[in-house]
Amino acid sequence: MQKHFNRSEEKEKRRQLRRDQTPAESLVWRYLRNRQTINCKFRRQYSIDRYILDFYSPGLKLAIEIDGDIHDLPEKKEHDEIRQKYLEGFGVRFVRIKNLELFGNPNKAFEKIENTILELTSPLPPLLTKERGT
């Protein structure tokens, strides 16, 4: 059986990315670490196959990606779309936050994360049924 999650071949790359995190990643990590956000466990620089996610909650299968200006370039956008589609094949859901969004209004960016978590963790509403014969 092939291992897809946090493969040892990507370990040094993940470590390097953790050491060299951007200011935006640092801000988000302070918000997510130690189950501070709705008691959800997040890991930073988590890999699935050859792709490394900025932040990932294995329990929720939720990835949080912080996108800097480089992600606006056409070739990077195309790469991100291919990457996201591939990872969605593993059941991963995504929240993408742009640096401008994060630094412009961090509370709104964090609310976006919280709303997605609540959506994934809240129970489904009961099915509505019609009574027959009335």
N, C-alpha and C. Protein backbone atom coordinates (compact mmCIF):
# COMPACT_ATOMS: atom_id res chain seq x y z
N MET A 1 0.85 -1.18 0.00
CA MET A 1 0.00 0.00 0.00
C MET A 1 0.89 1.25 0.00
N GLN A 2 0.60 2.17 -0.87
CA GLN A 2 1.40 3.38 -0.99
C GLN A 2 0.94 4.41 0.04
N LYS A 3 1.91 5.04 0.70
CA LYS A 3 1.61 6.09 1.67
C LYS A 3 1.48 7.42 0.93
N HIS A 4 0.43 8.15 1.21
CA HIS A 4 0.20 9.43 0.55
C HIS A 4 0.42 10.62 1.49
N PHE A 5 0.19 10.45 2.78
CA PHE A 5 0.19 11.55 3.72
C PHE A 5 1.51 11.63 4.48
N ASN A 6 2.10 12.84 4.49
CA ASN A 6 3.34 13.13 5.20
C ASN A 6 4.43 12.09 4.94
N ARG A 7 4.69 11.84 3.69
CA ARG A 7 5.71 10.86 3.31
C ARG A 7 7.08 11.34 3.77
N SER A 8 7.92 10.39 4.15
CA SER A 8 9.25 10.72 4.66
C SER A 8 10.12 11.42 3.61
N GLU A 9 9.87 11.17 2.31
CA GLU A 9 10.66 11.82 1.26
C GLU A 9 10.49 13.34 1.27
N GLU A 10 9.38 13.81 1.80
CA GLU A 10 9.09 15.25 1.82
C GLU A 10 9.45 15.89 3.16
N LYS A 11 9.96 15.12 4.10
CA LYS A 11 10.17 15.60 5.47
C LYS A 11 11.10 16.81 5.54
N GLU A 12 12.25 16.76 4.89
CA GLU A 12 13.19 17.88 4.95
C GLU A 12 12.62 19.13 4.31
N LYS A 13 11.88 18.96 3.22
CA LYS A 13 11.23 20.08 2.55
C LYS A 13 10.21 20.74 3.49
N ARG A 14 9.43 19.91 4.19
CA ARG A 14 8.44 20.44 5.14
C ARG A 14 9.12 21.20 6.26
N ARG A 15 10.21 20.65 6.78
CA ARG A 15 10.96 21.33 7.86
C ARG A 15 11.47 22.69 7.40
N GLN A 16 12.02 22.71 6.19
CA GLN A 16 12.56 23.96 5.65
C GLN A 16 11.45 25.00 5.51
N LEU A 17 10.30 24.60 5.02
CA LEU A 17 9.17 25.53 4.87
C LEU A 17 8.69 26.04 6.23
N ARG A 18 8.73 25.20 7.25
CA ARG A 18 8.36 25.67 8.59
C ARG A 18 9.35 26.70 9.11
N ARG A 19 10.64 26.47 8.84
CA ARG A 19 11.67 27.43 9.28
C ARG A 19 11.55 28.75 8.53
N ASP A 20 11.15 28.69 7.26
CA ASP A 20 11.11 29.88 6.41
C ASP A 20 9.70 30.41 6.19
N GLN A 21 8.83 30.26 7.16
CA GLN A 21 7.45 30.67 6.95
C GLN A 21 7.34 32.18 6.73
N THR A 22 6.35 32.56 5.95
CA THR A 22 6.12 33.97 5.64
C THR A 22 5.44 34.64 6.84
N PRO A 23 5.44 35.98 6.88
CA PRO A 23 4.72 36.67 7.96
C PRO A 23 3.23 36.30 7.99
N ALA A 24 2.63 36.12 6.82
CA ALA A 24 1.21 35.73 6.76
C ALA A 24 1.01 34.35 7.38
N GLU A 25 1.87 33.40 7.03
CA GLU A 25 1.78 32.05 7.59
C GLU A 25 1.99 32.08 9.10
N SER A 26 2.91 32.91 9.55
CA SER A 26 3.18 33.04 10.98
C SER A 26 1.93 33.53 11.73
N LEU A 27 1.27 34.53 11.16
CA LEU A 27 0.06 35.07 11.77
C LEU A 27 -1.04 34.01 11.85
N VAL A 28 -1.25 33.29 10.78
CA VAL A 28 -2.30 32.27 10.76
C VAL A 28 -1.94 31.13 11.72
N TRP A 29 -0.67 30.76 11.78
CA TRP A 29 -0.26 29.67 12.67
C TRP A 29 -0.52 30.04 14.13
N ARG A 30 -0.27 31.30 14.50
CA ARG A 30 -0.56 31.73 15.88
C ARG A 30 -2.04 31.59 16.19
N TYR A 31 -2.87 31.73 15.18
CA TYR A 31 -4.32 31.61 15.35
C TYR A 31 -4.77 30.15 15.41
N LEU A 32 -4.11 29.27 14.66
CA LEU A 32 -4.56 27.88 14.54
C LEU A 32 -3.93 26.92 15.56
N ARG A 33 -2.72 27.20 16.00
CA ARG A 33 -1.96 26.22 16.79
C ARG A 33 -2.61 25.92 18.14
N ASN A 34 -2.28 24.77 18.67
CA ASN A 34 -2.74 24.33 19.99
C ASN A 34 -4.26 24.29 20.12
N ARG A 35 -4.94 23.92 19.05
CA ARG A 35 -6.41 23.77 19.08
C ARG A 35 -7.14 25.04 19.50
N GLN A 36 -6.57 26.19 19.18
CA GLN A 36 -7.18 27.46 19.58
C GLN A 36 -8.42 27.81 18.77
N THR A 37 -8.56 27.22 17.62
CA THR A 37 -9.68 27.54 16.74
C THR A 37 -10.70 26.41 16.79
N ILE A 38 -11.76 26.65 17.53
CA ILE A 38 -12.87 25.70 17.66
C ILE A 38 -12.35 24.29 18.00
N ASN A 39 -11.30 24.25 18.79
CA ASN A 39 -10.71 22.99 19.29
C ASN A 39 -10.32 22.03 18.18
N CYS A 40 -9.93 22.56 17.02
CA CYS A 40 -9.51 21.71 15.89
C CYS A 40 -8.00 21.64 15.81
N LYS A 41 -7.51 20.44 15.57
CA LYS A 41 -6.09 20.21 15.45
C LYS A 41 -5.64 20.52 14.02
N PHE A 42 -4.65 21.41 13.91
CA PHE A 42 -4.07 21.74 12.61
C PHE A 42 -2.58 21.44 12.64
N ARG A 43 -2.06 21.07 11.50
CA ARG A 43 -0.63 20.87 11.31
C ARG A 43 -0.19 21.86 10.24
N ARG A 44 1.04 22.32 10.36
CA ARG A 44 1.54 23.22 9.31
C ARG A 44 2.53 22.48 8.43
N GLN A 45 2.53 22.87 7.18
CA GLN A 45 3.39 22.26 6.16
C GLN A 45 3.22 20.74 6.15
N TYR A 46 2.03 20.32 5.88
CA TYR A 46 1.63 18.92 5.83
C TYR A 46 1.62 18.48 4.37
N SER A 47 2.14 17.30 4.09
CA SER A 47 2.21 16.89 2.68
C SER A 47 1.26 15.75 2.35
N ILE A 48 0.74 15.83 1.14
CA ILE A 48 -0.04 14.75 0.53
C ILE A 48 0.62 14.52 -0.82
N ASP A 49 1.18 13.33 -0.97
CA ASP A 49 2.03 13.01 -2.12
C ASP A 49 3.11 14.08 -2.25
N ARG A 50 3.27 14.68 -3.42
CA ARG A 50 4.35 15.64 -3.58
C ARG A 50 3.95 17.08 -3.25
N TYR A 51 2.71 17.28 -2.85
CA TYR A 51 2.20 18.62 -2.56
C TYR A 51 2.23 18.90 -1.06
N ILE A 52 2.66 20.10 -0.71
CA ILE A 52 2.72 20.50 0.69
C ILE A 52 1.70 21.61 0.92
N LEU A 53 0.84 21.36 1.91
CA LEU A 53 -0.21 22.32 2.26
C LEU A 53 0.30 23.24 3.37
N ASP A 54 -0.12 24.51 3.34
CA ASP A 54 0.31 25.44 4.39
C ASP A 54 -0.17 24.95 5.75
N PHE A 55 -1.47 24.69 5.86
CA PHE A 55 -2.06 24.20 7.12
C PHE A 55 -3.08 23.13 6.78
N TYR A 56 -3.16 22.11 7.64
CA TYR A 56 -4.06 21.00 7.35
C TYR A 56 -4.60 20.41 8.63
N SER A 57 -5.90 20.17 8.67
CA SER A 57 -6.54 19.47 9.78
C SER A 57 -6.91 18.07 9.29
N PRO A 58 -6.15 17.05 9.72
CA PRO A 58 -6.45 15.69 9.27
C PRO A 58 -7.86 15.23 9.67
N GLY A 59 -8.33 15.63 10.85
CA GLY A 59 -9.65 15.22 11.31
C GLY A 59 -10.78 15.77 10.44
N LEU A 60 -10.58 16.97 9.92
CA LEU A 60 -11.60 17.61 9.09
C LEU A 60 -11.32 17.47 7.60
N LYS A 61 -10.12 17.02 7.26
CA LYS A 61 -9.66 17.01 5.87
C LYS A 61 -9.81 18.41 5.28
N LEU A 62 -9.32 19.39 6.04
CA LEU A 62 -9.43 20.80 5.65
C LEU A 62 -8.04 21.40 5.49
N ALA A 63 -7.79 21.97 4.32
CA ALA A 63 -6.53 22.66 4.04
C ALA A 63 -6.78 24.16 4.04
N ILE A 64 -5.85 24.88 4.63
CA ILE A 64 -5.90 26.34 4.59
C ILE A 64 -4.64 26.79 3.86
N GLU A 65 -4.85 27.48 2.75
CA GLU A 65 -3.75 27.94 1.92
C GLU A 65 -3.68 29.46 1.97
N ILE A 66 -2.49 29.98 2.20
CA ILE A 66 -2.26 31.41 2.23
C ILE A 66 -1.62 31.78 0.90
N ASP A 67 -2.28 32.63 0.13
CA ASP A 67 -1.83 32.97 -1.21
C ASP A 67 -1.25 34.38 -1.26
N GLY A 68 0.04 34.47 -1.58
CA GLY A 68 0.69 35.76 -1.79
C GLY A 68 0.46 36.24 -3.21
N ASP A 69 1.11 37.33 -3.55
CA ASP A 69 0.93 37.94 -4.87
C ASP A 69 1.31 37.01 -6.01
N ILE A 70 2.27 36.13 -5.78
CA ILE A 70 2.73 35.22 -6.84
C ILE A 70 1.61 34.32 -7.35
N HIS A 71 0.62 34.07 -6.51
CA HIS A 71 -0.50 33.19 -6.89
C HIS A 71 -1.45 33.86 -7.90
N ASP A 72 -1.22 35.15 -8.18
CA ASP A 72 -2.02 35.85 -9.18
C ASP A 72 -1.48 35.67 -10.60
N LEU A 73 -0.25 35.16 -10.73
CA LEU A 73 0.33 34.92 -12.05
C LEU A 73 -0.42 33.78 -12.75
N PRO A 74 -0.68 33.92 -14.05
CA PRO A 74 -1.46 32.90 -14.77
C PRO A 74 -0.91 31.48 -14.62
N GLU A 75 0.40 31.30 -14.74
CA GLU A 75 0.96 29.94 -14.65
C GLU A 75 0.84 29.38 -13.23
N LYS A 76 0.92 30.25 -12.23
CA LYS A 76 0.77 29.80 -10.84
C LYS A 76 -0.70 29.46 -10.55
N LYS A 77 -1.60 30.25 -11.10
CA LYS A 77 -3.04 29.96 -10.93
C LYS A 77 -3.38 28.59 -11.50
N GLU A 78 -2.84 28.31 -12.70
CA GLU A 78 -3.08 27.02 -13.34
C GLU A 78 -2.51 25.88 -12.49
N HIS A 79 -1.30 26.08 -11.98
CA HIS A 79 -0.68 25.06 -11.12
C HIS A 79 -1.52 24.84 -9.86
N ASP A 80 -2.00 25.93 -9.25
CA ASP A 80 -2.83 25.83 -8.04
C ASP A 80 -4.13 25.07 -8.31
N GLU A 81 -4.73 25.31 -9.47
CA GLU A 81 -5.98 24.62 -9.82
C GLU A 81 -5.75 23.12 -9.99
N ILE A 82 -4.68 22.75 -10.68
CA ILE A 82 -4.34 21.34 -10.87
C ILE A 82 -4.06 20.68 -9.53
N ARG A 83 -3.27 21.35 -8.71
CA ARG A 83 -2.90 20.85 -7.38
C ARG A 83 -4.14 20.66 -6.52
N GLN A 84 -5.00 21.68 -6.48
CA GLN A 84 -6.20 21.60 -5.64
C GLN A 84 -7.13 20.48 -6.11
N LYS A 85 -7.32 20.36 -7.41
CA LYS A 85 -8.19 19.31 -7.94
C LYS A 85 -7.65 17.93 -7.56
N TYR A 86 -6.34 17.75 -7.65
CA TYR A 86 -5.71 16.48 -7.29
C TYR A 86 -5.96 16.17 -5.81
N LEU A 87 -5.75 17.16 -4.94
CA LEU A 87 -5.91 16.94 -3.51
C LEU A 87 -7.37 16.77 -3.12
N GLU A 88 -8.27 17.40 -3.84
CA GLU A 88 -9.70 17.19 -3.59
C GLU A 88 -10.09 15.74 -3.86
N GLY A 89 -9.32 15.07 -4.69
CA GLY A 89 -9.54 13.64 -4.95
C GLY A 89 -9.33 12.79 -3.69
N PHE A 90 -8.61 13.32 -2.72
CA PHE A 90 -8.41 12.66 -1.43
C PHE A 90 -9.47 13.11 -0.41
N GLY A 91 -10.43 13.92 -0.85
CA GLY A 91 -11.48 14.40 0.03
C GLY A 91 -11.11 15.67 0.78
N VAL A 92 -10.03 16.33 0.38
CA VAL A 92 -9.58 17.55 1.06
C VAL A 92 -10.40 18.73 0.59
N ARG A 93 -10.85 19.53 1.56
CA ARG A 93 -11.55 20.79 1.25
C ARG A 93 -10.58 21.94 1.47
N PHE A 94 -10.78 23.03 0.78
CA PHE A 94 -9.83 24.15 0.83
C PHE A 94 -10.48 25.44 1.28
N VAL A 95 -9.70 26.21 2.04
CA VAL A 95 -9.99 27.61 2.31
C VAL A 95 -8.76 28.36 1.82
N ARG A 96 -8.96 29.27 0.90
CA ARG A 96 -7.85 30.07 0.38
C ARG A 96 -8.00 31.50 0.90
N ILE A 97 -6.90 32.02 1.42
CA ILE A 97 -6.88 33.38 1.95
C ILE A 97 -5.71 34.11 1.32
N LYS A 98 -6.00 35.25 0.73
CA LYS A 98 -4.95 36.07 0.13
C LYS A 98 -4.26 36.90 1.22
N ASN A 99 -2.98 37.17 1.02
CA ASN A 99 -2.24 38.00 1.97
C ASN A 99 -2.94 39.33 2.22
N LEU A 100 -3.41 39.97 1.15
CA LEU A 100 -4.10 41.26 1.29
C LEU A 100 -5.33 41.13 2.17
N GLU A 101 -6.07 40.05 1.99
CA GLU A 101 -7.26 39.79 2.80
C GLU A 101 -6.88 39.60 4.27
N LEU A 102 -5.81 38.86 4.49
CA LEU A 102 -5.36 38.56 5.85
C LEU A 102 -4.87 39.80 6.57
N PHE A 103 -4.01 40.57 5.92
CA PHE A 103 -3.45 41.76 6.57
C PHE A 103 -4.41 42.93 6.56
N GLY A 104 -5.35 42.95 5.60
CA GLY A 104 -6.34 44.02 5.54
C GLY A 104 -7.38 43.90 6.64
N ASN A 105 -7.83 42.67 6.90
CA ASN A 105 -8.84 42.45 7.93
C ASN A 105 -8.68 41.03 8.47
N PRO A 106 -7.73 40.82 9.40
CA PRO A 106 -7.48 39.47 9.90
C PRO A 106 -8.71 38.82 10.53
N ASN A 107 -9.53 39.60 11.21
CA ASN A 107 -10.72 39.01 11.84
C ASN A 107 -11.66 38.41 10.81
N LYS A 108 -11.81 39.07 9.68
CA LYS A 108 -12.66 38.54 8.62
C LYS A 108 -12.07 37.27 8.02
N ALA A 109 -10.74 37.24 7.86
CA ALA A 109 -10.07 36.04 7.34
C ALA A 109 -10.25 34.88 8.32
N PHE A 110 -10.09 35.14 9.61
CA PHE A 110 -10.24 34.09 10.61
C PHE A 110 -11.69 33.62 10.70
N GLU A 111 -12.62 34.55 10.50
CA GLU A 111 -14.04 34.19 10.49
C GLU A 111 -14.35 33.24 9.32
N LYS A 112 -13.70 33.46 8.20
CA LYS A 112 -13.86 32.59 7.02
C LYS A 112 -13.43 31.15 7.38
N ILE A 113 -12.32 31.03 8.10
CA ILE A 113 -11.83 29.72 8.55
C ILE A 113 -12.83 29.10 9.52
N GLU A 114 -13.26 29.87 10.51
CA GLU A 114 -14.19 29.36 11.52
C GLU A 114 -15.50 28.91 10.89
N ASN A 115 -16.03 29.68 9.96
CA ASN A 115 -17.29 29.31 9.32
C ASN A 115 -17.17 27.99 8.56
N THR A 116 -16.04 27.78 7.92
CA THR A 116 -15.82 26.52 7.21
C THR A 116 -15.74 25.36 8.19
N ILE A 117 -15.04 25.56 9.30
CA ILE A 117 -14.94 24.51 10.32
C ILE A 117 -16.32 24.18 10.87
N LEU A 118 -17.09 25.20 11.19
CA LEU A 118 -18.44 24.97 11.72
C LEU A 118 -19.32 24.25 10.71
N GLU A 119 -19.17 24.60 9.45
CA GLU A 119 -19.93 23.93 8.39
C GLU A 119 -19.57 22.44 8.32
N LEU A 120 -18.29 22.13 8.50
CA LEU A 120 -17.84 20.75 8.42
C LEU A 120 -18.15 19.93 9.67
N THR A 121 -18.33 20.60 10.81
CA THR A 121 -18.52 19.87 12.06
C THR A 121 -19.95 19.87 12.57
N SER A 122 -20.81 20.74 12.03
CA SER A 122 -22.18 20.77 12.53
C SER A 122 -22.98 19.61 11.96
N PRO A 123 -23.87 19.06 12.77
CA PRO A 123 -24.68 17.93 12.28
C PRO A 123 -25.63 18.38 11.18
N LEU A 124 -25.96 17.43 10.33
CA LEU A 124 -26.91 17.72 9.26
C LEU A 124 -28.31 17.91 9.83
N PRO A 125 -29.08 18.82 9.26
CA PRO A 125 -30.46 18.99 9.74
C PRO A 125 -31.28 17.75 9.41
N PRO A 126 -32.30 17.46 10.23
CA PRO A 126 -33.12 16.29 9.94
C PRO A 126 -33.86 16.46 8.61
N LEU A 127 -34.10 15.35 7.97
CA LEU A 127 -34.82 15.39 6.70
C LEU A 127 -36.27 15.79 6.94
N LEU A 128 -36.77 16.63 6.09
CA LEU A 128 -38.17 17.01 6.18
C LEU A 128 -39.00 15.96 5.47
N THR A 129 -40.05 15.53 6.11
CA THR A 129 -40.92 14.53 5.47
C THR A 129 -42.33 15.07 5.45
N LYS A 130 -43.07 14.69 4.40
CA LYS A 130 -44.47 15.07 4.31
C LYS A 130 -45.29 13.89 4.85
N GLU A 131 -46.29 14.26 5.60
CA GLU A 131 -47.20 13.20 6.07
C GLU A 131 -48.08 12.79 4.90
N ARG A 132 -48.30 11.51 4.77
CA ARG A 132 -49.13 11.01 3.69
C ARG A 132 -50.60 11.04 4.10
N GLY A 133 -51.41 11.26 3.12
CA GLY A 133 -52.85 11.17 3.34
C GLY A 133 -53.47 12.43 3.91
N THR A 134 -52.71 13.52 3.97
CA THR A 134 -53.31 14.74 4.49
C THR A 134 -53.37 15.80 3.44
